[in-house]
Amino acid sequence: MHMNKITTVACPQCKKETIWNHSNCYRPFCSERCKMIDLGQWFSEDYCISHTDSNPEEDPAHQA
């Protein structure tokens, strides 16, 4: 007998355990509220992705 294992993850916003499958349309978040809070943090630039140049010589700002 094969038992389906239910995968759960912690919501990145509130840390509440939530089911990770297609029935959760907000995954990895637990709710629309947590998803929208996270999106707002990106818009307000609370989050950012760091950038490093792979070849600084190709960057026009570094050319003389």
C-alpha atoms as a PDB file:
ATOM      1  CA  MET A   1       0.000   0.000   0.000  1.00  0.00           C
ATOM      2  CA  HIS A   2       1.446   3.339  -1.116  1.00  0.00           C
ATOM      3  CA  MET A   3       0.775   6.262   1.195  1.00  0.00           C
ATOM      4  CA  ASN A   4       0.949   9.785  -0.166  1.00  0.00           C
ATOM      5  CA  LYS A   5       3.174  11.963   1.936  1.00  0.00           C
ATOM      6  CA  ILE A   6       1.905  15.509   2.479  1.00  0.00           C
ATOM      7  CA  THR A   7       4.683  18.034   2.075  1.00  0.00           C
ATOM      8  CA  THR A   8       4.523  21.116   4.251  1.00  0.00           C
ATOM      9  CA  VAL A   9       6.713  24.203   4.318  1.00  0.00           C
ATOM     10  CA  ALA A  10       6.922  27.233   6.541  1.00  0.00           C
ATOM     11  CA  CYS A  11       5.356  30.341   5.025  1.00  0.00           C
ATOM     12  CA  PRO A  12       8.245  32.726   4.280  1.00  0.00           C
ATOM     13  CA  GLN A  13       6.245  35.617   5.728  1.00  0.00           C
ATOM     14  CA  CYS A  14       4.531  34.382   8.909  1.00  0.00           C
ATOM     15  CA  LYS A  15       6.286  30.992   9.363  1.00  0.00           C
ATOM     16  CA  LYS A  16       2.946  29.125   9.606  1.00  0.00           C
ATOM     17  CA  GLU A  17       3.120  25.553   8.266  1.00  0.00           C
ATOM     18  CA  THR A  18       1.353  25.304   4.914  1.00  0.00           C
ATOM     19  CA  ILE A  19       0.749  22.488   2.443  1.00  0.00           C
ATOM     20  CA  TRP A  20       2.977  22.503  -0.653  1.00  0.00           C
ATOM     21  CA  ASN A  21       0.834  21.203  -3.508  1.00  0.00           C
ATOM     22  CA  HIS A  22      -1.367  22.451  -6.341  1.00  0.00           C
ATOM     23  CA  SER A  23      -4.324  22.994  -4.009  1.00  0.00           C
ATOM     24  CA  ASN A  24      -2.467  25.920  -2.387  1.00  0.00           C
ATOM     25  CA  CYS A  25      -2.572  28.638  -5.049  1.00  0.00           C
ATOM     26  CA  TYR A  26      -0.493  30.952  -2.812  1.00  0.00           C
ATOM     27  CA  ARG A  27       2.454  28.600  -2.280  1.00  0.00           C
ATOM     28  CA  PRO A  28       4.997  29.046  -0.833  1.00  0.00           C
ATOM     29  CA  PHE A  29       2.848  31.459   1.179  1.00  0.00           C
ATOM     30  CA  CYS A  30      -0.025  30.329   3.392  1.00  0.00           C
ATOM     31  CA  SER A  31      -2.474  32.983   2.200  1.00  0.00           C
ATOM     32  CA  GLU A  32      -3.053  35.869  -0.179  1.00  0.00           C
ATOM     33  CA  ARG A  33      -2.331  38.261   2.699  1.00  0.00           C
ATOM     34  CA  CYS A  34       1.189  36.894   3.244  1.00  0.00           C
ATOM     35  CA  LYS A  35       1.810  36.882  -0.513  1.00  0.00           C
ATOM     36  CA  MET A  36       0.773  40.544  -0.797  1.00  0.00           C
ATOM     37  CA  ILE A  37       2.865  41.581   2.229  1.00  0.00           C
ATOM     38  CA  ASP A  38       5.901  39.992   0.568  1.00  0.00           C
ATOM     39  CA  LEU A  39       5.158  41.717  -2.751  1.00  0.00           C
ATOM     40  CA  GLY A  40       4.850  45.048  -0.940  1.00  0.00           C
ATOM     41  CA  GLN A  41       8.269  44.521   0.624  1.00  0.00           C
ATOM     42  CA  TRP A  42       9.773  44.048  -2.853  1.00  0.00           C
ATOM     43  CA  PHE A  43       8.018  47.196  -4.136  1.00  0.00           C
ATOM     44  CA  SER A  44       9.240  49.276  -1.194  1.00  0.00           C
ATOM     45  CA  GLU A  45      12.757  47.899  -1.808  1.00  0.00           C
ATOM     46  CA  ASP A  46      12.998  46.224   1.605  1.00  0.00           C
ATOM     47  CA  TYR A  47      14.324  43.267  -0.406  1.00  0.00           C
ATOM     48  CA  CYS A  48      16.920  43.434  -3.147  1.00  0.00           C
ATOM     49  CA  ILE A  49      19.037  41.092  -5.208  1.00  0.00           C
ATOM     50  CA  SER A  50      22.726  41.869  -5.068  1.00  0.00           C
ATOM     51  CA  HIS A  51      24.537  42.214  -8.343  1.00  0.00           C
ATOM     52  CA  THR A  52      28.166  41.519  -9.086  1.00  0.00           C
ATOM     53  CA  ASP A  53      29.703  41.985 -12.499  1.00  0.00           C
ATOM     54  CA  SER A  54      31.197  38.858 -14.015  1.00  0.00           C
ATOM     55  CA  ASN A  55      33.603  41.025 -16.015  1.00  0.00           C
ATOM     56  CA  PRO A  56      33.997  44.562 -14.647  1.00  0.00           C
ATOM     57  CA  GLU A  57      36.056  45.588 -17.729  1.00  0.00           C
ATOM     58  CA  GLU A  58      32.901  45.324 -19.872  1.00  0.00           C
ATOM     59  CA  ASP A  59      31.017  47.761 -17.604  1.00  0.00           C
ATOM     60  CA  PRO A  60      30.938  51.226 -19.296  1.00  0.00           C
ATOM     61  CA  ALA A  61      31.130  52.905 -15.855  1.00  0.00           C
ATOM     62  CA  HIS A  62      34.580  51.369 -15.330  1.00  0.00           C
ATOM     63  CA  GLN A  63      36.006  52.396 -18.704  1.00  0.00           C
ATOM     64  CA  ALA A  64      38.201  55.448 -19.016  1.00  0.00           C
END
